[in-house]
Amino acid sequence: MSKTKEQLIAEVMEGQTPLVSVRAAAAYLGCSERTIARMCELGKLKAIKVMSMWRVNRNALIDYASAA
């Protein structure tokens, strides 16, 4: 079962984990998953790569959104 956009945004806003998925970050910022991955690759978002998937730092994502 895939999560709705609202559930993904809630994962960022109310989440208990310090890392969020690219999909949740994209829903939160209102852009594509590829854009988030590119931002991670370029160092515009604080993130780590786990296996082959990016995980975005939740606090850095919220800070980025409030500065934009």
N, C-alpha and C. Protein backbone atom coordinates (compact mmCIF):
# COMPACT_ATOMS: atom_id res chain seq x y z
N MET A 1 0.84 -1.18 0.00
CA MET A 1 0.00 0.00 0.00
C MET A 1 0.88 1.24 0.00
N SER A 2 0.71 2.11 -0.99
CA SER A 2 1.52 3.32 -1.06
C SER A 2 0.88 4.42 -0.22
N LYS A 3 1.72 5.30 0.28
CA LYS A 3 1.25 6.39 1.12
C LYS A 3 0.74 7.54 0.27
N THR A 4 -0.22 8.26 0.79
CA THR A 4 -0.74 9.44 0.11
C THR A 4 0.23 10.60 0.32
N LYS A 5 0.04 11.64 -0.47
CA LYS A 5 0.88 12.84 -0.33
C LYS A 5 0.77 13.41 1.08
N GLU A 6 -0.43 13.42 1.63
CA GLU A 6 -0.65 13.94 2.98
C GLU A 6 0.10 13.11 4.03
N GLN A 7 0.10 11.79 3.85
CA GLN A 7 0.82 10.92 4.78
C GLN A 7 2.32 11.14 4.68
N LEU A 8 2.82 11.37 3.47
CA LEU A 8 4.25 11.62 3.29
C LEU A 8 4.66 12.94 3.92
N ILE A 9 3.83 13.96 3.77
CA ILE A 9 4.13 15.25 4.40
C ILE A 9 4.09 15.13 5.92
N ALA A 10 3.12 14.37 6.44
CA ALA A 10 3.04 14.15 7.88
C ALA A 10 4.27 13.40 8.39
N GLU A 11 4.82 12.51 7.56
CA GLU A 11 6.04 11.78 7.93
C GLU A 11 7.19 12.75 8.19
N VAL A 12 7.24 13.83 7.41
CA VAL A 12 8.29 14.83 7.60
C VAL A 12 7.96 15.70 8.82
N MET A 13 6.75 16.19 8.89
CA MET A 13 6.37 17.13 9.95
C MET A 13 6.33 16.49 11.34
N GLU A 14 5.81 15.29 11.43
CA GLU A 14 5.57 14.66 12.74
C GLU A 14 6.46 13.46 12.98
N GLY A 15 7.35 13.18 12.07
CA GLY A 15 8.16 11.97 12.15
C GLY A 15 9.06 11.92 13.36
N GLN A 16 9.30 10.73 13.82
CA GLN A 16 10.16 10.51 14.98
C GLN A 16 11.58 10.16 14.57
N THR A 17 11.78 9.85 13.29
CA THR A 17 13.10 9.45 12.83
C THR A 17 13.83 10.67 12.26
N PRO A 18 15.14 10.70 12.37
CA PRO A 18 15.90 11.85 11.86
C PRO A 18 16.06 11.86 10.35
N LEU A 19 15.72 10.76 9.68
CA LEU A 19 15.87 10.66 8.24
C LEU A 19 14.54 10.37 7.57
N VAL A 20 14.34 10.95 6.39
CA VAL A 20 13.12 10.69 5.63
C VAL A 20 13.49 10.25 4.22
N SER A 21 12.55 9.61 3.57
CA SER A 21 12.78 9.12 2.21
C SER A 21 12.76 10.27 1.21
N VAL A 22 13.32 10.01 0.05
CA VAL A 22 13.29 10.99 -1.04
C VAL A 22 11.85 11.27 -1.43
N ARG A 23 11.03 10.26 -1.42
CA ARG A 23 9.62 10.43 -1.78
C ARG A 23 8.91 11.38 -0.82
N ALA A 24 9.17 11.23 0.49
CA ALA A 24 8.55 12.12 1.48
C ALA A 24 9.10 13.53 1.34
N ALA A 25 10.40 13.66 1.10
CA ALA A 25 11.00 14.99 0.92
C ALA A 25 10.42 15.68 -0.30
N ALA A 26 10.21 14.94 -1.38
CA ALA A 26 9.64 15.50 -2.60
C ALA A 26 8.21 15.98 -2.36
N ALA A 27 7.43 15.20 -1.64
CA ALA A 27 6.05 15.61 -1.33
C ALA A 27 6.05 16.86 -0.47
N TYR A 28 6.96 16.93 0.48
CA TYR A 28 7.04 18.07 1.39
C TYR A 28 7.42 19.35 0.65
N LEU A 29 8.37 19.27 -0.28
CA LEU A 29 8.81 20.46 -1.01
C LEU A 29 7.98 20.72 -2.27
N GLY A 30 7.16 19.75 -2.67
CA GLY A 30 6.34 19.92 -3.85
C GLY A 30 7.13 19.86 -5.15
N CYS A 31 8.09 18.95 -5.20
CA CYS A 31 8.89 18.78 -6.41
C CYS A 31 9.04 17.28 -6.69
N SER A 32 9.81 16.94 -7.70
CA SER A 32 9.96 15.53 -8.07
C SER A 32 11.01 14.84 -7.20
N GLU A 33 10.92 13.53 -7.17
CA GLU A 33 11.89 12.73 -6.43
C GLU A 33 13.28 12.90 -7.03
N ARG A 34 13.35 13.03 -8.35
CA ARG A 34 14.64 13.22 -9.03
C ARG A 34 15.29 14.53 -8.61
N THR A 35 14.48 15.57 -8.43
CA THR A 35 15.01 16.86 -7.98
C THR A 35 15.64 16.72 -6.59
N ILE A 36 14.97 15.99 -5.71
CA ILE A 36 15.51 15.77 -4.36
C ILE A 36 16.82 14.99 -4.44
N ALA A 37 16.84 13.93 -5.24
CA ALA A 37 18.07 13.13 -5.39
C ALA A 37 19.21 13.99 -5.93
N ARG A 38 18.91 14.85 -6.89
CA ARG A 38 19.93 15.74 -7.44
C ARG A 38 20.43 16.71 -6.38
N MET A 39 19.53 17.24 -5.55
CA MET A 39 19.93 18.13 -4.47
C MET A 39 20.84 17.42 -3.47
N CYS A 40 20.56 16.17 -3.22
CA CYS A 40 21.40 15.37 -2.32
C CYS A 40 22.78 15.17 -2.94
N GLU A 41 22.81 14.83 -4.22
CA GLU A 41 24.07 14.61 -4.92
C GLU A 41 24.94 15.86 -4.94
N LEU A 42 24.30 17.02 -5.08
CA LEU A 42 25.02 18.29 -5.15
C LEU A 42 25.35 18.87 -3.78
N GLY A 43 24.83 18.25 -2.72
CA GLY A 43 25.09 18.72 -1.37
C GLY A 43 24.20 19.88 -0.94
N LYS A 44 23.13 20.13 -1.66
CA LYS A 44 22.20 21.20 -1.29
C LYS A 44 21.31 20.79 -0.13
N LEU A 45 21.12 19.50 0.05
CA LEU A 45 20.37 18.96 1.18
C LEU A 45 21.28 18.00 1.93
N LYS A 46 21.26 18.09 3.23
CA LYS A 46 22.04 17.16 4.05
C LYS A 46 21.38 15.79 3.98
N ALA A 47 22.12 14.81 3.48
CA ALA A 47 21.55 13.48 3.29
C ALA A 47 22.68 12.44 3.30
N ILE A 48 22.28 11.20 3.47
CA ILE A 48 23.23 10.09 3.36
C ILE A 48 22.65 9.07 2.40
N LYS A 49 23.54 8.29 1.84
CA LYS A 49 23.10 7.25 0.92
C LYS A 49 23.16 5.92 1.66
N VAL A 50 22.04 5.24 1.73
CA VAL A 50 21.93 3.93 2.36
C VAL A 50 21.69 2.93 1.25
N MET A 51 22.68 2.05 1.07
CA MET A 51 22.67 1.16 -0.08
C MET A 51 22.64 2.04 -1.33
N SER A 52 21.58 2.02 -2.09
CA SER A 52 21.53 2.86 -3.29
C SER A 52 20.47 3.96 -3.17
N MET A 53 19.92 4.14 -1.98
CA MET A 53 18.84 5.11 -1.80
C MET A 53 19.26 6.25 -0.87
N TRP A 54 18.88 7.46 -1.24
CA TRP A 54 19.15 8.61 -0.40
C TRP A 54 18.16 8.67 0.75
N ARG A 55 18.65 9.11 1.90
CA ARG A 55 17.83 9.42 3.06
C ARG A 55 18.18 10.83 3.48
N VAL A 56 17.16 11.68 3.55
CA VAL A 56 17.35 13.11 3.79
C VAL A 56 17.20 13.41 5.27
N ASN A 57 18.09 14.26 5.78
CA ASN A 57 18.02 14.70 7.16
C ASN A 57 16.74 15.54 7.33
N ARG A 58 15.89 15.10 8.23
CA ARG A 58 14.58 15.73 8.42
C ARG A 58 14.69 17.20 8.81
N ASN A 59 15.55 17.51 9.77
CA ASN A 59 15.71 18.90 10.22
C ASN A 59 16.27 19.78 9.11
N ALA A 60 17.23 19.26 8.35
CA ALA A 60 17.80 20.03 7.24
C ALA A 60 16.74 20.31 6.18
N LEU A 61 15.87 19.36 5.94
CA LEU A 61 14.79 19.54 4.97
C LEU A 61 13.83 20.64 5.42
N ILE A 62 13.45 20.62 6.67
CA ILE A 62 12.55 21.65 7.21
C ILE A 62 13.22 23.01 7.16
N ASP A 63 14.51 23.07 7.50
CA ASP A 63 15.25 24.34 7.44
C ASP A 63 15.32 24.85 6.00
N TYR A 64 15.57 23.97 5.05
CA TYR A 64 15.65 24.34 3.64
C TYR A 64 14.31 24.91 3.17
N ALA A 65 13.23 24.27 3.56
CA ALA A 65 11.90 24.71 3.14
C ALA A 65 11.56 26.08 3.73
N SER A 66 11.96 26.32 4.95
CA SER A 66 11.63 27.60 5.57
C SER A 66 12.51 28.74 5.04
N ALA A 67 13.68 28.40 4.52
CA ALA A 67 14.57 29.43 3.96
C ALA A 67 14.20 29.77 2.52
N ALA A 68 13.50 28.88 1.87
CA ALA A 68 13.17 29.10 0.44
C ALA A 68 12.03 30.04 0.24
